[in-house]
Amino acid sequence: MISKRDSLTLAERSALAGVGRERLAGARHCRVSGVPGDPGRWPGLLAEWAQRDGSWFGRVVYAVDDGGRVVLVEAWVDAEHLQSAG
């Protein structure tokens, strides 16, 4: 068994994997609502935008309450279902 002192911290592992602040510079907190299958208004993180067939979509990760447990969803969501959290 490896003790905590013998392993890398999450920050150290992230740095080695190339994940850092610069990769999340464009990320924004948002609210996701009205998505089919996920009724309600959920907190999320918008990672990127893309345009398809003249419509805008955001790639988001958001948390949903699934009967008392939190489930994280990652999906491309139509812009009409996204609002700024600010």
N, C-alpha and C. Protein backbone atom coordinates (compact mmCIF):
# COMPACT_ATOMS: atom_id res chain seq x y z
N MET A 1 0.84 -1.18 0.00
CA MET A 1 0.00 0.00 0.00
C MET A 1 0.89 1.24 0.00
N ILE A 2 0.52 2.22 -0.80
CA ILE A 2 1.29 3.45 -0.90
C ILE A 2 0.73 4.48 0.07
N SER A 3 1.60 5.05 0.88
CA SER A 3 1.14 6.08 1.80
C SER A 3 0.93 7.38 1.02
N LYS A 4 0.17 8.28 1.59
CA LYS A 4 -0.10 9.56 0.94
C LYS A 4 1.18 10.34 0.65
N ARG A 5 2.16 10.21 1.50
CA ARG A 5 3.42 10.94 1.31
C ARG A 5 4.24 10.40 0.15
N ASP A 6 4.00 9.16 -0.24
CA ASP A 6 4.76 8.56 -1.33
C ASP A 6 4.11 8.78 -2.70
N SER A 7 2.93 9.39 -2.73
CA SER A 7 2.23 9.59 -4.00
C SER A 7 2.18 11.08 -4.36
N LEU A 8 1.90 11.35 -5.62
CA LEU A 8 1.79 12.73 -6.10
C LEU A 8 0.46 13.33 -5.67
N THR A 9 0.44 14.63 -5.50
CA THR A 9 -0.81 15.32 -5.21
C THR A 9 -1.62 15.42 -6.49
N LEU A 10 -2.89 15.76 -6.36
CA LEU A 10 -3.75 15.94 -7.54
C LEU A 10 -3.19 17.04 -8.44
N ALA A 11 -2.71 18.12 -7.85
CA ALA A 11 -2.13 19.22 -8.63
C ALA A 11 -0.90 18.76 -9.41
N GLU A 12 -0.06 17.94 -8.77
CA GLU A 12 1.13 17.43 -9.44
C GLU A 12 0.77 16.48 -10.58
N ARG A 13 -0.21 15.61 -10.35
CA ARG A 13 -0.65 14.69 -11.41
C ARG A 13 -1.27 15.46 -12.56
N SER A 14 -2.05 16.50 -12.26
CA SER A 14 -2.67 17.32 -13.30
C SER A 14 -1.61 18.02 -14.14
N ALA A 15 -0.60 18.56 -13.50
CA ALA A 15 0.47 19.25 -14.21
C ALA A 15 1.21 18.28 -15.14
N LEU A 16 1.47 17.07 -14.66
CA LEU A 16 2.15 16.08 -15.49
C LEU A 16 1.29 15.65 -16.68
N ALA A 17 -0.02 15.67 -16.51
CA ALA A 17 -0.94 15.27 -17.58
C ALA A 17 -1.21 16.41 -18.56
N GLY A 18 -0.67 17.59 -18.27
CA GLY A 18 -0.89 18.73 -19.16
C GLY A 18 -2.16 19.50 -18.88
N VAL A 19 -2.81 19.20 -17.78
CA VAL A 19 -4.04 19.91 -17.43
C VAL A 19 -3.65 21.07 -16.53
N GLY A 20 -4.04 22.25 -16.91
CA GLY A 20 -3.70 23.40 -16.10
C GLY A 20 -4.67 24.54 -16.33
N ARG A 21 -4.42 25.65 -15.70
CA ARG A 21 -5.30 26.80 -15.81
C ARG A 21 -5.49 27.25 -17.24
N GLU A 22 -4.43 27.19 -18.03
CA GLU A 22 -4.54 27.68 -19.40
C GLU A 22 -5.55 26.88 -20.22
N ARG A 23 -5.74 25.61 -19.91
CA ARG A 23 -6.71 24.80 -20.64
C ARG A 23 -8.13 25.15 -20.23
N LEU A 24 -8.34 25.68 -19.03
CA LEU A 24 -9.67 26.00 -18.56
C LEU A 24 -9.96 27.50 -18.64
N ALA A 25 -9.09 28.24 -19.29
CA ALA A 25 -9.25 29.70 -19.33
C ALA A 25 -10.58 30.12 -19.94
N GLY A 26 -11.09 29.36 -20.90
CA GLY A 26 -12.35 29.71 -21.55
C GLY A 26 -13.58 29.13 -20.88
N ALA A 27 -13.40 28.30 -19.88
CA ALA A 27 -14.53 27.66 -19.21
C ALA A 27 -15.33 28.67 -18.41
N ARG A 28 -16.63 28.50 -18.40
CA ARG A 28 -17.52 29.41 -17.68
C ARG A 28 -18.57 28.62 -16.92
N HIS A 29 -18.91 29.12 -15.74
CA HIS A 29 -20.01 28.52 -14.99
C HIS A 29 -21.31 28.88 -15.69
N CYS A 30 -22.26 27.94 -15.69
CA CYS A 30 -23.53 28.16 -16.36
C CYS A 30 -24.64 27.41 -15.64
N ARG A 31 -25.84 27.62 -16.11
CA ARG A 31 -27.01 26.87 -15.66
C ARG A 31 -27.58 26.17 -16.89
N VAL A 32 -27.93 24.91 -16.73
CA VAL A 32 -28.50 24.11 -17.80
C VAL A 32 -29.95 23.86 -17.42
N SER A 33 -30.89 24.17 -18.32
CA SER A 33 -32.30 23.96 -18.01
C SER A 33 -33.08 23.57 -19.26
N GLY A 34 -34.15 22.82 -19.03
CA GLY A 34 -35.04 22.45 -20.11
C GLY A 34 -34.50 21.39 -21.06
N VAL A 35 -33.46 20.67 -20.64
CA VAL A 35 -32.90 19.62 -21.49
C VAL A 35 -33.81 18.40 -21.42
N PRO A 36 -34.21 17.86 -22.56
CA PRO A 36 -35.06 16.65 -22.54
C PRO A 36 -34.37 15.53 -21.74
N GLY A 37 -35.11 14.93 -20.83
CA GLY A 37 -34.57 13.86 -20.00
C GLY A 37 -33.97 14.34 -18.69
N ASP A 38 -33.67 15.63 -18.57
CA ASP A 38 -33.11 16.21 -17.35
C ASP A 38 -33.91 17.45 -16.96
N PRO A 39 -35.20 17.29 -16.61
CA PRO A 39 -35.99 18.47 -16.26
C PRO A 39 -35.41 19.16 -15.03
N GLY A 40 -35.51 20.46 -15.00
CA GLY A 40 -34.99 21.23 -13.88
C GLY A 40 -33.92 22.20 -14.35
N ARG A 41 -33.30 22.84 -13.39
CA ARG A 41 -32.23 23.80 -13.66
C ARG A 41 -31.01 23.34 -12.88
N TRP A 42 -29.90 23.07 -13.59
CA TRP A 42 -28.75 22.44 -13.00
C TRP A 42 -27.49 23.28 -13.14
N PRO A 43 -26.62 23.29 -12.11
CA PRO A 43 -25.34 24.01 -12.22
C PRO A 43 -24.41 23.25 -13.17
N GLY A 44 -23.65 24.01 -13.96
CA GLY A 44 -22.75 23.36 -14.90
C GLY A 44 -21.51 24.18 -15.20
N LEU A 45 -20.65 23.60 -16.02
CA LEU A 45 -19.44 24.25 -16.49
C LEU A 45 -19.42 24.13 -18.00
N LEU A 46 -19.43 25.27 -18.68
CA LEU A 46 -19.37 25.32 -20.14
C LEU A 46 -17.91 25.26 -20.56
N ALA A 47 -17.54 24.24 -21.33
CA ALA A 47 -16.15 24.04 -21.72
C ALA A 47 -15.84 24.62 -23.10
N GLU A 48 -16.78 24.52 -24.05
CA GLU A 48 -16.52 25.03 -25.39
C GLU A 48 -17.82 25.22 -26.16
N TRP A 49 -17.73 25.98 -27.24
CA TRP A 49 -18.84 26.24 -28.15
C TRP A 49 -18.55 25.61 -29.50
N ALA A 50 -19.60 25.23 -30.21
CA ALA A 50 -19.47 24.77 -31.59
C ALA A 50 -20.75 25.13 -32.33
N GLN A 51 -20.62 25.41 -33.62
CA GLN A 51 -21.78 25.73 -34.44
C GLN A 51 -22.02 24.58 -35.41
N ARG A 52 -23.27 24.11 -35.44
CA ARG A 52 -23.67 23.03 -36.34
C ARG A 52 -24.98 23.40 -37.01
N ASP A 53 -25.00 23.33 -38.32
CA ASP A 53 -26.22 23.61 -39.09
C ASP A 53 -26.86 24.94 -38.70
N GLY A 54 -26.03 25.94 -38.44
CA GLY A 54 -26.52 27.27 -38.13
C GLY A 54 -26.95 27.49 -36.68
N SER A 55 -26.84 26.47 -35.84
CA SER A 55 -27.20 26.59 -34.42
C SER A 55 -25.95 26.42 -33.56
N TRP A 56 -25.96 27.09 -32.41
CA TRP A 56 -24.83 26.99 -31.47
C TRP A 56 -25.12 25.96 -30.40
N PHE A 57 -24.08 25.21 -30.04
CA PHE A 57 -24.14 24.20 -28.99
C PHE A 57 -22.97 24.41 -28.05
N GLY A 58 -23.20 24.14 -26.76
CA GLY A 58 -22.14 24.22 -25.78
C GLY A 58 -21.84 22.84 -25.23
N ARG A 59 -20.56 22.55 -25.08
CA ARG A 59 -20.17 21.30 -24.41
C ARG A 59 -20.08 21.60 -22.93
N VAL A 60 -20.95 20.96 -22.16
CA VAL A 60 -21.06 21.26 -20.73
C VAL A 60 -20.95 20.00 -19.89
N VAL A 61 -20.54 20.20 -18.67
CA VAL A 61 -20.61 19.18 -17.63
C VAL A 61 -21.52 19.77 -16.57
N TYR A 62 -22.57 19.02 -16.21
CA TYR A 62 -23.48 19.54 -15.21
C TYR A 62 -23.91 18.43 -14.25
N ALA A 63 -24.30 18.85 -13.06
CA ALA A 63 -24.68 17.92 -11.99
C ALA A 63 -26.19 17.81 -11.91
N VAL A 64 -26.70 16.56 -11.87
CA VAL A 64 -28.13 16.30 -11.80
C VAL A 64 -28.42 15.47 -10.55
N ASP A 65 -29.50 15.81 -9.85
CA ASP A 65 -29.94 15.01 -8.71
C ASP A 65 -30.75 13.84 -9.24
N ASP A 66 -30.25 12.64 -9.03
CA ASP A 66 -30.90 11.43 -9.52
C ASP A 66 -31.44 10.64 -8.33
N GLY A 67 -32.51 11.14 -7.76
CA GLY A 67 -33.12 10.45 -6.63
C GLY A 67 -32.27 10.40 -5.38
N GLY A 68 -31.61 11.50 -5.06
CA GLY A 68 -30.81 11.57 -3.84
C GLY A 68 -29.32 11.37 -4.05
N ARG A 69 -28.90 11.06 -5.27
CA ARG A 69 -27.46 10.99 -5.54
C ARG A 69 -27.15 11.89 -6.73
N VAL A 70 -25.97 12.46 -6.71
CA VAL A 70 -25.57 13.40 -7.75
C VAL A 70 -24.89 12.63 -8.88
N VAL A 71 -25.35 12.92 -10.10
CA VAL A 71 -24.78 12.31 -11.30
C VAL A 71 -24.23 13.42 -12.16
N LEU A 72 -23.00 13.27 -12.67
CA LEU A 72 -22.42 14.24 -13.59
C LEU A 72 -22.72 13.83 -15.02
N VAL A 73 -23.18 14.80 -15.80
CA VAL A 73 -23.51 14.58 -17.20
C VAL A 73 -22.59 15.45 -18.04
N GLU A 74 -21.99 14.88 -19.09
CA GLU A 74 -21.19 15.65 -20.04
C GLU A 74 -21.89 15.50 -21.38
N ALA A 75 -22.26 16.64 -22.00
CA ALA A 75 -23.03 16.58 -23.23
C ALA A 75 -22.91 17.87 -24.03
N TRP A 76 -23.20 17.76 -25.33
CA TRP A 76 -23.37 18.94 -26.17
C TRP A 76 -24.83 19.35 -26.03
N VAL A 77 -25.06 20.59 -25.62
CA VAL A 77 -26.40 21.09 -25.32
C VAL A 77 -26.68 22.30 -26.19
N ASP A 78 -27.88 22.35 -26.77
CA ASP A 78 -28.31 23.48 -27.58
C ASP A 78 -28.24 24.76 -26.73
N ALA A 79 -27.74 25.82 -27.32
CA ALA A 79 -27.54 27.09 -26.60
C ALA A 79 -28.81 27.60 -25.93
N GLU A 80 -29.97 27.26 -26.46
CA GLU A 80 -31.22 27.74 -25.84
C GLU A 80 -31.43 27.16 -24.44
N HIS A 81 -30.70 26.12 -24.08
CA HIS A 81 -30.82 25.50 -22.76
C HIS A 81 -29.74 25.97 -21.79
N LEU A 82 -28.92 26.94 -22.19
CA LEU A 82 -27.81 27.41 -21.35
C LEU A 82 -28.01 28.86 -20.95
N GLN A 83 -27.74 29.16 -19.68
CA GLN A 83 -27.77 30.52 -19.17
C GLN A 83 -26.50 30.76 -18.37
N SER A 84 -26.06 32.01 -18.37
CA SER A 84 -24.89 32.38 -17.57
C SER A 84 -25.23 32.22 -16.10
N ALA A 85 -24.28 31.76 -15.32
CA ALA A 85 -24.49 31.61 -13.88
C ALA A 85 -24.30 32.92 -13.15
N GLY A 86 -23.74 33.91 -13.83
CA GLY A 86 -23.46 35.20 -13.21
C GLY A 86 -24.58 36.14 -13.12
